[in-house]
Amino acid sequence: MPLSMVSTGKPSKIKKVGGREETRKFLENLGFVAGSMVTVVSEIGGNLIVNVKDSRVAIGRDMANKIMV
C-alpha cells in the first residue's frame, strides 16, 4: 500500500519507490530506499511529515503515493 495510507505512528518498511527516474532519485536522496524503515509522524492538509533514517522529512501526498510499504 502507498505511504499515504499508513496510519500515524506505525513504522513500516519501504518495499518499492515508484515514479519517473528523477522522482525516484529525488526520493532516494531524501532516504526513501527499499528496505529502510519509515514512520508517519503527522498529516496536515494532505502533506505528510515522516521519520526516515533519523530525519524528519515533509512530503506531499503525490510523492507519498509513489512510496510503497
C-alpha atoms as a PDB file:
ATOM      1  CA  MET A   1       0.000   0.000   0.000  1.00  0.00           C
ATOM      2  CA  PRO A   2       1.186   3.575  -0.525  1.00  0.00           C
ATOM      3  CA  LEU A   3       2.802   5.513   2.316  1.00  0.00           C
ATOM      4  CA  SER A   4      -0.091   7.995   2.256  1.00  0.00           C
ATOM      5  CA  MET A   5      -2.423   5.246   3.580  1.00  0.00           C
ATOM      6  CA  VAL A   6      -0.263   4.306   6.603  1.00  0.00           C
ATOM      7  CA  SER A   7      -1.626   5.343   9.989  1.00  0.00           C
ATOM      8  CA  THR A   8       0.316   7.850  12.087  1.00  0.00           C
ATOM      9  CA  GLY A   9       2.981   6.381  14.375  1.00  0.00           C
ATOM     10  CA  LYS A  10       3.146   2.944  12.721  1.00  0.00           C
ATOM     11  CA  PRO A  11       6.656   2.001  11.495  1.00  0.00           C
ATOM     12  CA  SER A  12       6.645   0.480   8.014  1.00  0.00           C
ATOM     13  CA  LYS A  13       9.289  -0.979   5.717  1.00  0.00           C
ATOM     14  CA  ILE A  14       9.645   0.538   2.242  1.00  0.00           C
ATOM     15  CA  LYS A  15       9.115  -2.125  -0.406  1.00  0.00           C
ATOM     16  CA  LYS A  16       9.374  -0.066  -3.597  1.00  0.00           C
ATOM     17  CA  VAL A  17       9.756   3.525  -4.769  1.00  0.00           C
ATOM     18  CA  GLY A  18       7.896   4.261  -7.988  1.00  0.00           C
ATOM     19  CA  GLY A  19       7.549   7.186 -10.351  1.00  0.00           C
ATOM     20  CA  ARG A  20       9.761   8.621 -13.057  1.00  0.00           C
ATOM     21  CA  GLU A  21      13.545   8.326 -12.855  1.00  0.00           C
ATOM     22  CA  GLU A  22      14.114  11.849 -11.487  1.00  0.00           C
ATOM     23  CA  THR A  23      11.357  11.366  -8.903  1.00  0.00           C
ATOM     24  CA  ARG A  24      12.929   8.118  -7.674  1.00  0.00           C
ATOM     25  CA  LYS A  25      16.364   9.741  -7.465  1.00  0.00           C
ATOM     26  CA  PHE A  26      14.925  12.679  -5.503  1.00  0.00           C
ATOM     27  CA  LEU A  27      13.213  10.366  -3.009  1.00  0.00           C
ATOM     28  CA  GLU A  28      16.321   8.173  -2.690  1.00  0.00           C
ATOM     29  CA  ASN A  29      18.393  11.266  -1.868  1.00  0.00           C
ATOM     30  CA  LEU A  30      15.930  12.012   0.955  1.00  0.00           C
ATOM     31  CA  GLY A  31      16.434   8.483   2.330  1.00  0.00           C
ATOM     32  CA  PHE A  32      13.431   6.683   0.831  1.00  0.00           C
ATOM     33  CA  VAL A  33      15.123   3.480  -0.360  1.00  0.00           C
ATOM     34  CA  ALA A  34      13.739  -0.052  -0.466  1.00  0.00           C
ATOM     35  CA  GLY A  35      14.344  -1.882   2.803  1.00  0.00           C
ATOM     36  CA  SER A  36      14.530   1.163   5.076  1.00  0.00           C
ATOM     37  CA  MET A  37      12.007   1.898   7.804  1.00  0.00           C
ATOM     38  CA  VAL A  38       9.707   4.911   7.692  1.00  0.00           C
ATOM     39  CA  THR A  39       7.198   6.276  10.226  1.00  0.00           C
ATOM     40  CA  VAL A  40       4.468   8.830   9.544  1.00  0.00           C
ATOM     41  CA  VAL A  41       4.731  11.484  12.269  1.00  0.00           C
ATOM     42  CA  SER A  42       1.772  13.647  11.231  1.00  0.00           C
ATOM     43  CA  GLU A  43      -0.508  14.562   8.365  1.00  0.00           C
ATOM     44  CA  ILE A  44      -1.506  18.162   7.766  1.00  0.00           C
ATOM     45  CA  GLY A  45      -3.666  19.121   4.813  1.00  0.00           C
ATOM     46  CA  GLY A  46      -2.651  16.051   2.828  1.00  0.00           C
ATOM     47  CA  ASN A  47       1.072  16.630   3.386  1.00  0.00           C
ATOM     48  CA  LEU A  48       2.978  14.089   5.456  1.00  0.00           C
ATOM     49  CA  ILE A  49       5.802  14.544   7.924  1.00  0.00           C
ATOM     50  CA  VAL A  50       7.745  11.298   8.148  1.00  0.00           C
ATOM     51  CA  ASN A  51      10.752   9.952  10.041  1.00  0.00           C
ATOM     52  CA  VAL A  52      13.181   8.244   7.694  1.00  0.00           C
ATOM     53  CA  LYS A  53      16.819   7.424   8.567  1.00  0.00           C
ATOM     54  CA  ASP A  54      16.749   9.534  11.760  1.00  0.00           C
ATOM     55  CA  SER A  55      15.495  12.605   9.860  1.00  0.00           C
ATOM     56  CA  ARG A  56      12.120  14.275   9.587  1.00  0.00           C
ATOM     57  CA  VAL A  57      11.031  14.969   6.033  1.00  0.00           C
ATOM     58  CA  ALA A  58       7.878  16.686   4.751  1.00  0.00           C
ATOM     59  CA  ILE A  59       6.472  15.307   1.505  1.00  0.00           C
ATOM     60  CA  GLY A  60       3.272  15.884  -0.420  1.00  0.00           C
ATOM     61  CA  ARG A  61       0.558  13.281  -0.891  1.00  0.00           C
ATOM     62  CA  ASP A  62       1.527  12.789  -4.555  1.00  0.00           C
ATOM     63  CA  MET A  63       5.085  11.832  -3.540  1.00  0.00           C
ATOM     64  CA  ALA A  64       3.803   9.631  -0.703  1.00  0.00           C
ATOM     65  CA  ASN A  65       1.630   7.743  -3.191  1.00  0.00           C
ATOM     66  CA  LYS A  66       4.789   6.698  -5.078  1.00  0.00           C
ATOM     67  CA  ILE A  67       6.340   5.062  -1.986  1.00  0.00           C
ATOM     68  CA  MET A  68       5.028   1.540  -1.401  1.00  0.00           C
ATOM     69  CA  VAL A  69       5.273  -0.030   2.061  1.00  0.00           C
END
